[in-house]
Amino acid sequence: MTDPIADMLTRLRNAVHARHARVELPASKLKTEIAKILQDEGYIAGYKLVDAPSERPGKAPRQVMRVFLKYGPGGEKVISGLERVSRPGRRVYAGRDGVPPVLGGLGVNILTTSQGVMTGRSAQRAGVGGEILCNVW
């Protein structure tokens, strides 16, 4: 797989569209940081790292991240859109003053910076720029 972040976003988008309660995806440190930001911003109910049995006997169990999705009181979607911005074929960077707003400030963009993975607003407060991974609204 060439773009595991795009795979994560696609799995989340499909699960929200199908009104699933949770979705499982292969775990990594970067995906865990993205899930932590989504939880802090109120887009998902939570996440948990679990060991899933390996498909092949004799192999060690692999780590899977279980993401619990969040819906409104009437069943409306909390996540209306997920968009991958920086891709392996086209990297998109923003300086500390050039982080674009998402939907006029209603959404959030997730950046990877020299100080770790953070939202666009917190990156501007910290005075750092970085690679824009995705936009969520």
Protein backbone atom coordinates (compact mmCIF):
# COMPACT_ATOMS: atom_id res chain seq x y z
CA MET A 1 0.00 0.00 0.00
CA THR A 2 1.50 3.30 -1.06
CA ASP A 3 -0.62 5.67 1.05
CA PRO A 4 -1.78 4.30 4.42
CA ILE A 5 -3.19 7.68 5.52
CA ALA A 6 -5.49 7.81 2.49
CA ASP A 7 -6.55 4.24 3.31
CA MET A 8 -7.41 5.30 6.88
CA LEU A 9 -9.44 8.28 5.69
CA THR A 10 -11.27 6.17 3.10
CA ARG A 11 -12.16 3.53 5.69
CA LEU A 12 -13.48 6.24 8.04
CA ARG A 13 -15.44 7.93 5.23
CA ASN A 14 -17.01 4.63 4.11
CA ALA A 15 -17.88 3.60 7.68
CA VAL A 16 -19.54 6.94 8.42
CA HIS A 17 -21.48 6.77 5.15
CA ALA A 18 -22.67 3.22 6.00
CA ARG A 19 -23.52 4.34 9.59
CA HIS A 20 -21.23 1.79 11.25
CA ALA A 21 -20.55 2.07 14.97
CA ARG A 22 -16.84 1.31 14.60
CA VAL A 23 -14.17 0.60 12.03
CA GLU A 24 -10.91 -1.37 12.27
CA LEU A 25 -7.74 -0.46 10.45
CA PRO A 26 -4.05 -1.36 10.63
CA ALA A 27 -2.34 0.64 13.38
CA SER A 28 0.70 2.90 13.15
CA LYS A 29 2.07 5.76 15.23
CA LEU A 30 0.97 8.40 12.71
CA LYS A 31 -2.56 6.98 12.43
CA THR A 32 -2.79 6.90 16.23
CA GLU A 33 -1.83 10.58 16.40
CA ILE A 34 -4.43 11.43 13.75
CA ALA A 35 -7.10 9.49 15.69
CA LYS A 36 -6.10 11.32 18.88
CA ILE A 37 -6.62 14.68 17.16
CA LEU A 38 -9.98 13.54 15.72
CA GLN A 39 -11.05 12.53 19.23
CA ASP A 40 -9.85 15.80 20.80
CA GLU A 41 -11.70 17.82 18.14
CA GLY A 42 -14.91 15.82 18.71
CA TYR A 43 -15.13 14.02 15.36
CA ILE A 44 -14.91 10.47 16.77
CA ALA A 45 -16.01 8.96 20.06
CA GLY A 46 -12.68 7.23 20.70
CA TYR A 47 -10.14 4.69 19.55
CA LYS A 48 -8.39 1.67 20.97
CA LEU A 49 -5.34 -0.34 19.94
CA VAL A 50 -5.97 -4.10 19.99
CA ASP A 51 -3.97 -7.15 18.98
CA ALA A 52 -5.63 -9.03 16.14
CA PRO A 53 -4.69 -12.60 15.32
CA SER A 54 -2.43 -12.97 12.32
CA GLU A 55 -3.81 -14.45 9.11
CA ARG A 56 -0.93 -16.90 8.93
CA PRO A 57 -0.34 -19.45 11.67
CA GLY A 58 2.89 -19.05 13.62
CA LYS A 59 3.12 -15.30 12.99
CA ALA A 60 2.94 -12.71 15.74
CA PRO A 61 -0.37 -10.88 16.19
CA ARG A 62 -0.62 -7.57 14.41
CA GLN A 63 -1.85 -4.35 15.98
CA VAL A 64 -5.20 -3.01 14.83
CA MET A 65 -6.73 0.34 15.69
CA ARG A 66 -10.44 0.22 16.45
CA VAL A 67 -12.07 3.62 15.88
CA PHE A 68 -15.49 4.27 17.45
CA LEU A 69 -17.52 6.65 15.33
CA LYS A 70 -19.72 9.43 16.64
CA TYR A 71 -23.18 10.49 15.49
CA GLY A 72 -25.56 13.24 16.59
CA PRO A 73 -28.72 12.68 18.66
CA GLY A 74 -30.82 12.26 15.51
CA GLY A 75 -28.29 9.95 13.88
CA GLU A 76 -26.70 12.72 11.80
CA LYS A 77 -23.07 12.39 10.82
CA VAL A 78 -20.49 14.31 12.85
CA ILE A 79 -17.89 13.85 10.08
CA SER A 80 -19.33 15.30 6.87
CA GLY A 81 -16.11 15.14 4.90
CA LEU A 82 -12.54 13.90 4.94
CA GLU A 83 -10.02 15.01 2.33
CA ARG A 84 -6.42 13.91 1.83
CA VAL A 85 -4.38 17.00 0.94
CA SER A 86 -0.73 15.94 0.76
CA ARG A 87 -0.24 12.74 -1.20
CA PRO A 88 2.89 10.72 -2.00
CA GLY A 89 2.85 12.13 -5.55
CA ARG A 90 2.23 15.73 -4.51
CA ARG A 91 3.35 16.96 -1.11
CA VAL A 92 1.66 20.10 0.20
CA TYR A 93 3.45 22.23 2.78
CA ALA A 94 2.33 25.35 4.61
CA GLY A 95 4.40 27.89 6.46
CA ARG A 96 3.50 29.10 9.91
CA ASP A 97 1.39 31.94 8.46
CA GLY A 98 0.10 30.03 5.43
CA VAL A 99 -2.11 27.35 6.99
CA PRO A 100 -5.41 27.68 5.07
CA PRO A 101 -8.73 27.57 6.96
CA VAL A 102 -11.09 24.66 6.30
CA LEU A 103 -14.63 25.77 5.37
CA GLY A 104 -13.99 29.23 6.74
CA GLY A 105 -12.87 27.90 10.11
CA LEU A 106 -15.64 25.30 10.59
CA GLY A 107 -13.35 22.35 9.85
CA VAL A 108 -9.87 21.40 10.93
CA ASN A 109 -6.70 20.52 9.05
CA ILE A 110 -4.15 18.09 10.45
CA LEU A 111 -0.46 18.86 9.95
CA THR A 112 2.72 17.00 10.68
CA THR A 113 5.29 19.46 11.99
CA SER A 114 8.71 19.39 13.58
CA GLN A 115 6.90 19.41 16.95
CA GLY A 116 4.64 16.47 16.10
CA VAL A 117 1.20 15.99 14.57
CA MET A 118 -1.20 18.84 15.37
CA THR A 119 -4.11 20.85 14.04
CA GLY A 120 -3.63 23.91 11.87
CA ARG A 121 -4.78 26.24 14.64
CA SER A 122 -2.37 24.81 17.20
CA ALA A 123 0.46 24.93 14.63
CA GLN A 124 -0.19 28.64 14.07
CA ARG A 125 -0.24 29.23 17.84
CA ALA A 126 3.05 27.35 18.17
CA GLY A 127 4.50 29.32 15.26
CA VAL A 128 5.39 26.30 13.12
CA GLY A 129 4.42 25.09 9.67
CA GLY A 130 4.51 21.66 8.13
CA GLU A 131 2.97 19.16 5.77
CA ILE A 132 -0.84 19.32 5.55
CA LEU A 133 -1.99 15.71 5.85
CA CYS A 134 -5.76 16.10 5.60
CA ASN A 135 -8.81 18.29 6.10
CA VAL A 136 -11.81 17.22 8.21
CA TRP A 137 -15.18 18.92 8.41
